[in-house]
Amino acid sequence: FYTTVQPETLLERCEETLGVNHEFADITYFAADHRFSYNHTIWSNDPEVQSNRISKVIAF
């Protein structure tokens, strides 16, 4: 599941929704297409210009 929303914004919304902003809180966000589905991580579409860093790892 892809979105144009940046990961920082998604994390901020999760913190607001859960009412948690503790520095050590483990907030992990996922999406699913139905209630019995595996949870899928939310990927944001990368900007055209990026710093030299890994943003995604795809493994099989």
PDB file of N, CA and C in Angstrom:
ATOM      1  N   PHE A   1       0.862  -1.155   0.000  1.00  0.00           N
ATOM      2  CA  PHE A   1       0.000   0.000   0.000  1.00  0.00           C
ATOM      3  C   PHE A   1       0.902   1.208   0.000  1.00  0.00           C
ATOM      4  N   TYR A   2       0.697   2.083  -0.964  1.00  0.00           N
ATOM      5  CA  TYR A   2       1.554   3.250  -1.158  1.00  0.00           C
ATOM      6  C   TYR A   2       0.802   4.527  -0.828  1.00  0.00           C
ATOM      7  N   THR A   3       1.537   5.517  -0.396  1.00  0.00           N
ATOM      8  CA  THR A   3       0.957   6.822  -0.108  1.00  0.00           C
ATOM      9  C   THR A   3       1.982   7.904  -0.415  1.00  0.00           C
ATOM     10  N   THR A   4       1.517   9.095  -0.640  1.00  0.00           N
ATOM     11  CA  THR A   4       2.429  10.218  -0.847  1.00  0.00           C
ATOM     12  C   THR A   4       2.730  10.930   0.470  1.00  0.00           C
ATOM     13  N   VAL A   5       2.110  10.477   1.549  1.00  0.00           N
ATOM     14  CA  VAL A   5       2.360  11.060   2.868  1.00  0.00           C
ATOM     15  C   VAL A   5       3.709  10.563   3.378  1.00  0.00           C
ATOM     16  N   GLN A   6       4.502  11.460   3.905  1.00  0.00           N
ATOM     17  CA  GLN A   6       5.827  11.101   4.400  1.00  0.00           C
ATOM     18  C   GLN A   6       5.728  10.276   5.683  1.00  0.00           C
ATOM     19  N   PRO A   7       6.685   9.351   5.922  1.00  0.00           N
ATOM     20  CA  PRO A   7       6.655   8.512   7.121  1.00  0.00           C
ATOM     21  C   PRO A   7       6.590   9.313   8.423  1.00  0.00           C
ATOM     22  N   GLU A   8       7.258  10.456   8.464  1.00  0.00           N
ATOM     23  CA  GLU A   8       7.237  11.283   9.673  1.00  0.00           C
ATOM     24  C   GLU A   8       5.815  11.755   9.985  1.00  0.00           C
ATOM     25  N   THR A   9       5.071  12.118   8.936  1.00  0.00           N
ATOM     26  CA  THR A   9       3.692  12.571   9.111  1.00  0.00           C
ATOM     27  C   THR A   9       2.811  11.419   9.581  1.00  0.00           C
ATOM     28  N   LEU A  10       3.007  10.226   9.007  1.00  0.00           N
ATOM     29  CA  LEU A  10       2.240   9.053   9.441  1.00  0.00           C
ATOM     30  C   LEU A  10       2.502   8.747  10.912  1.00  0.00           C
ATOM     31  N   LEU A  11       3.769   8.800  11.308  1.00  0.00           N
ATOM     32  CA  LEU A  11       4.109   8.540  12.702  1.00  0.00           C
ATOM     33  C   LEU A  11       3.462   9.577  13.611  1.00  0.00           C
ATOM     34  N   GLU A  12       3.492  10.834  13.194  1.00  0.00           N
ATOM     35  CA  GLU A  12       2.863  11.907  13.977  1.00  0.00           C
ATOM     36  C   GLU A  12       1.369  11.653  14.160  1.00  0.00           C
ATOM     37  N   ARG A  13       0.689  11.235  13.084  1.00  0.00           N
ATOM     38  CA  ARG A  13      -0.751  10.951  13.172  1.00  0.00           C
ATOM     39  C   ARG A  13      -1.020   9.762  14.087  1.00  0.00           C
ATOM     40  N   CYS A  14      -0.165   8.738  14.019  1.00  0.00           N
ATOM     41  CA  CYS A  14      -0.328   7.582  14.909  1.00  0.00           C
ATOM     42  C   CYS A  14      -0.162   8.011  16.363  1.00  0.00           C
ATOM     43  N   GLU A  15       0.844   8.838  16.632  1.00  0.00           N
ATOM     44  CA  GLU A  15       1.059   9.315  17.997  1.00  0.00           C
ATOM     45  C   GLU A  15      -0.146  10.108  18.492  1.00  0.00           C
ATOM     46  N   GLU A  16      -0.686  10.974  17.624  1.00  0.00           N
ATOM     47  CA  GLU A  16      -1.856  11.772  18.005  1.00  0.00           C
ATOM     48  C   GLU A  16      -3.065  10.879  18.270  1.00  0.00           C
ATOM     49  N   THR A  17      -3.282   9.904  17.399  1.00  0.00           N
ATOM     50  CA  THR A  17      -4.432   9.015  17.529  1.00  0.00           C
ATOM     51  C   THR A  17      -4.332   8.160  18.787  1.00  0.00           C
ATOM     52  N   LEU A  18      -3.134   7.638  19.049  1.00  0.00           N
ATOM     53  CA  LEU A  18      -2.947   6.770  20.208  1.00  0.00           C
ATOM     54  C   LEU A  18      -2.730   7.552  21.495  1.00  0.00           C
ATOM     55  N   GLY A  19      -2.456   8.843  21.366  1.00  0.00           N
ATOM     56  CA  GLY A  19      -2.182   9.650  22.549  1.00  0.00           C
ATOM     57  C   GLY A  19      -0.851   9.310  23.184  1.00  0.00           C
ATOM     58  N   VAL A  20       0.084   8.797  22.372  1.00  0.00           N
ATOM     59  CA  VAL A  20       1.389   8.383  22.876  1.00  0.00           C
ATOM     60  C   VAL A  20       2.466   9.175  22.154  1.00  0.00           C
ATOM     61  N   ASN A  21       3.356   9.773  22.906  1.00  0.00           N
ATOM     62  CA  ASN A  21       4.497  10.441  22.282  1.00  0.00           C
ATOM     63  C   ASN A  21       5.757  10.202  23.094  1.00  0.00           C
ATOM     64  N   HIS A  22       5.741   9.131  23.893  1.00  0.00           N
ATOM     65  CA  HIS A  22       6.892   8.789  24.721  1.00  0.00           C
ATOM     66  C   HIS A  22       8.073   8.454  23.826  1.00  0.00           C
ATOM     67  N   GLU A  23       9.243   8.929  24.208  1.00  0.00           N
ATOM     68  CA  GLU A  23      10.453   8.745  23.404  1.00  0.00           C
ATOM     69  C   GLU A  23      10.738   7.279  23.101  1.00  0.00           C
ATOM     70  N   PHE A  24      10.424   6.385  24.038  1.00  0.00           N
ATOM     71  CA  PHE A  24      10.756   4.973  23.861  1.00  0.00           C
ATOM     72  C   PHE A  24       9.552   4.118  23.476  1.00  0.00           C
ATOM     73  N   ALA A  25       8.427   4.748  23.152  1.00  0.00           N
ATOM     74  CA  ALA A  25       7.240   3.992  22.752  1.00  0.00           C
ATOM     75  C   ALA A  25       7.491   3.312  21.412  1.00  0.00           C
ATOM     76  N   ASP A  26       7.039   2.083  21.289  1.00  0.00           N
ATOM     77  CA  ASP A  26       7.192   1.331  20.042  1.00  0.00           C
ATOM     78  C   ASP A  26       5.910   1.479  19.238  1.00  0.00           C
ATOM     79  N   ILE A  27       5.892   2.441  18.341  1.00  0.00           N
ATOM     80  CA  ILE A  27       4.725   2.652  17.486  1.00  0.00           C
ATOM     81  C   ILE A  27       5.063   2.099  16.110  1.00  0.00           C
ATOM     82  N   THR A  28       4.356   1.055  15.722  1.00  0.00           N
ATOM     83  CA  THR A  28       4.538   0.447  14.418  1.00  0.00           C
ATOM     84  C   THR A  28       3.214   0.542  13.688  1.00  0.00           C
ATOM     85  N   TYR A  29       3.231   0.979  12.456  1.00  0.00           N
ATOM     86  CA  TYR A  29       1.977   1.145  11.739  1.00  0.00           C
ATOM     87  C   TYR A  29       1.952   0.247  10.506  1.00  0.00           C
ATOM     88  N   PHE A  30       0.792  -0.333  10.244  1.00  0.00           N
ATOM     89  CA  PHE A  30       0.601  -1.271   9.152  1.00  0.00           C
ATOM     90  C   PHE A  30      -0.728  -0.996   8.474  1.00  0.00           C
ATOM     91  N   ALA A  31      -0.933  -1.632   7.337  1.00  0.00           N
ATOM     92  CA  ALA A  31      -2.207  -1.557   6.629  1.00  0.00           C
ATOM     93  C   ALA A  31      -2.577  -2.964   6.175  1.00  0.00           C
ATOM     94  N   ALA A  32      -3.862  -3.220   6.042  1.00  0.00           N
ATOM     95  CA  ALA A  32      -4.337  -4.514   5.568  1.00  0.00           C
ATOM     96  C   ALA A  32      -5.532  -4.281   4.663  1.00  0.00           C
ATOM     97  N   ASP A  33      -5.743  -5.195   3.720  1.00  0.00           N
ATOM     98  CA  ASP A  33      -6.872  -5.022   2.809  1.00  0.00           C
ATOM     99  C   ASP A  33      -8.148  -5.700   3.315  1.00  0.00           C
ATOM    100  N   HIS A  34      -8.065  -6.539   4.338  1.00  0.00           N
ATOM    101  CA  HIS A  34      -9.235  -7.081   5.023  1.00  0.00           C
ATOM    102  C   HIS A  34      -8.796  -7.551   6.409  1.00  0.00           C
ATOM    103  N   ARG A  35      -9.736  -7.862   7.271  1.00  0.00           N
ATOM    104  CA  ARG A  35      -9.374  -8.112   8.666  1.00  0.00           C
ATOM    105  C   ARG A  35      -8.594  -9.402   8.891  1.00  0.00           C
ATOM    106  N   PHE A  36      -8.596 -10.324   7.930  1.00  0.00           N
ATOM    107  CA  PHE A  36      -7.829 -11.556   8.071  1.00  0.00           C
ATOM    108  C   PHE A  36      -6.497 -11.483   7.337  1.00  0.00           C
ATOM    109  N   SER A  37      -6.206 -10.336   6.788  1.00  0.00           N
ATOM    110  CA  SER A  37      -5.007 -10.156   5.978  1.00  0.00           C
ATOM    111  C   SER A  37      -3.764 -10.035   6.847  1.00  0.00           C
ATOM    112  N   TYR A  38      -2.626 -10.367   6.244  1.00  0.00           N
ATOM    113  CA  TYR A  38      -1.359 -10.049   6.888  1.00  0.00           C
ATOM    114  C   TYR A  38      -1.222  -8.536   6.912  1.00  0.00           C
ATOM    115  N   ASN A  39      -0.550  -8.033   7.906  1.00  0.00           N
ATOM    116  CA  ASN A  39      -0.308  -6.599   7.955  1.00  0.00           C
ATOM    117  C   ASN A  39       0.810  -6.244   6.985  1.00  0.00           C
ATOM    118  N   HIS A  40       0.597  -5.197   6.241  1.00  0.00           N
ATOM    119  CA  HIS A  40       1.587  -4.726   5.273  1.00  0.00           C
ATOM    120  C   HIS A  40       2.119  -3.384   5.742  1.00  0.00           C
ATOM    121  N   THR A  41       3.407  -3.192   5.629  1.00  0.00           N
ATOM    122  CA  THR A  41       3.949  -1.892   6.001  1.00  0.00           C
ATOM    123  C   THR A  41       3.504  -0.853   4.995  1.00  0.00           C
ATOM    124  N   ILE A  42       3.408   0.370   5.450  1.00  0.00           N
ATOM    125  CA  ILE A  42       2.998   1.474   4.588  1.00  0.00           C
ATOM    126  C   ILE A  42       4.246   2.051   3.945  1.00  0.00           C
ATOM    127  N   TRP A  43       4.287   2.038   2.635  1.00  0.00           N
ATOM    128  CA  TRP A  43       5.419   2.614   1.909  1.00  0.00           C
ATOM    129  C   TRP A  43       5.024   3.964   1.373  1.00  0.00           C
ATOM    130  N   SER A  44       5.911   4.922   1.504  1.00  0.00           N
ATOM    131  CA  SER A  44       5.636   6.211   0.893  1.00  0.00           C
ATOM    132  C   SER A  44       6.400   6.293  -0.417  1.00  0.00           C
ATOM    133  N   ASN A  45       5.848   7.000  -1.362  1.00  0.00           N
ATOM    134  CA  ASN A  45       6.529   7.192  -2.631  1.00  0.00           C
ATOM    135  C   ASN A  45       7.723   8.097  -2.396  1.00  0.00           C
ATOM    136  N   ASP A  46       8.870   7.652  -2.852  1.00  0.00           N
ATOM    137  CA  ASP A  46      10.099   8.402  -2.622  1.00  0.00           C
ATOM    138  C   ASP A  46      10.149   9.672  -3.451  1.00  0.00           C
ATOM    139  N   PRO A  47      10.799  10.709  -2.917  1.00  0.00           N
ATOM    140  CA  PRO A  47      11.008  11.914  -3.719  1.00  0.00           C
ATOM    141  C   PRO A  47      12.003  11.620  -4.838  1.00  0.00           C
ATOM    142  N   GLU A  48      11.981  12.425  -5.883  1.00  0.00           N
ATOM    143  CA  GLU A  48      12.891  12.205  -7.005  1.00  0.00           C
ATOM    144  C   GLU A  48      14.345  12.377  -6.588  1.00  0.00           C
ATOM    145  N   VAL A  49      14.617  13.339  -5.725  1.00  0.00           N
ATOM    146  CA  VAL A  49      15.983  13.589  -5.263  1.00  0.00           C
ATOM    147  C   VAL A  49      16.078  13.108  -3.819  1.00  0.00           C
ATOM    148  N   GLN A  50      17.047  12.204  -3.572  1.00  0.00           N
ATOM    149  CA  GLN A  50      17.205  11.635  -2.241  1.00  0.00           C
ATOM    150  C   GLN A  50      18.657  11.705  -1.807  1.00  0.00           C
ATOM    151  N   SER A  51      18.854  11.657  -0.505  1.00  0.00           N
ATOM    152  CA  SER A  51      20.215  11.541   0.005  1.00  0.00           C
ATOM    153  C   SER A  51      20.684  10.109  -0.236  1.00  0.00           C
ATOM    154  N   ASN A  52      21.965   9.875  -0.083  1.00  0.00           N
ATOM    155  CA  ASN A  52      22.516   8.533  -0.294  1.00  0.00           C
ATOM    156  C   ASN A  52      22.234   7.667   0.926  1.00  0.00           C
ATOM    157  N   ARG A  53      21.039   7.101   0.979  1.00  0.00           N
ATOM    158  CA  ARG A  53      20.671   6.212   2.074  1.00  0.00           C
ATOM    159  C   ARG A  53      19.681   5.182   1.558  1.00  0.00           C
ATOM    160  N   ILE A  54      19.595   4.079   2.255  1.00  0.00           N
ATOM    161  CA  ILE A  54      18.646   3.032   1.898  1.00  0.00           C
ATOM    162  C   ILE A  54      17.287   3.417   2.457  1.00  0.00           C
ATOM    163  N   SER A  55      16.265   3.406   1.618  1.00  0.00           N
ATOM    164  CA  SER A  55      14.929   3.745   2.102  1.00  0.00           C
ATOM    165  C   SER A  55      14.028   2.517   2.178  1.00  0.00           C
ATOM    166  N   LYS A  56      14.333   1.474   1.403  1.00  0.00           N
ATOM    167  CA  LYS A  56      13.513   0.265   1.417  1.00  0.00           C
ATOM    168  C   LYS A  56      14.396  -0.954   1.152  1.00  0.00           C
ATOM    169  N   VAL A  57      14.040  -2.062   1.732  1.00  0.00           N
ATOM    170  CA  VAL A  57      14.714  -3.324   1.466  1.00  0.00           C
ATOM    171  C   VAL A  57      13.636  -4.318   1.067  1.00  0.00           C
ATOM    172  N   ILE A  58      13.813  -4.960  -0.075  1.00  0.00           N
ATOM    173  CA  ILE A  58      12.867  -5.970  -0.543  1.00  0.00           C
ATOM    174  C   ILE A  58      13.590  -7.309  -0.494  1.00  0.00           C
ATOM    175  N   ALA A  59      13.058  -8.250   0.261  1.00  0.00           N
ATOM    176  CA  ALA A  59      13.696  -9.554   0.410  1.00  0.00           C
ATOM    177  C   ALA A  59      12.672 -10.642   0.156  1.00  0.00           C
ATOM    178  N   PHE A  60      13.133 -11.727  -0.423  1.00  0.00           N
ATOM    179  CA  PHE A  60      12.259 -12.858  -0.694  1.00  0.00           C
ATOM    180  C   PHE A  60      12.783 -14.083   0.009  1.00  0.00           C
TER     181      PHE A  60
END
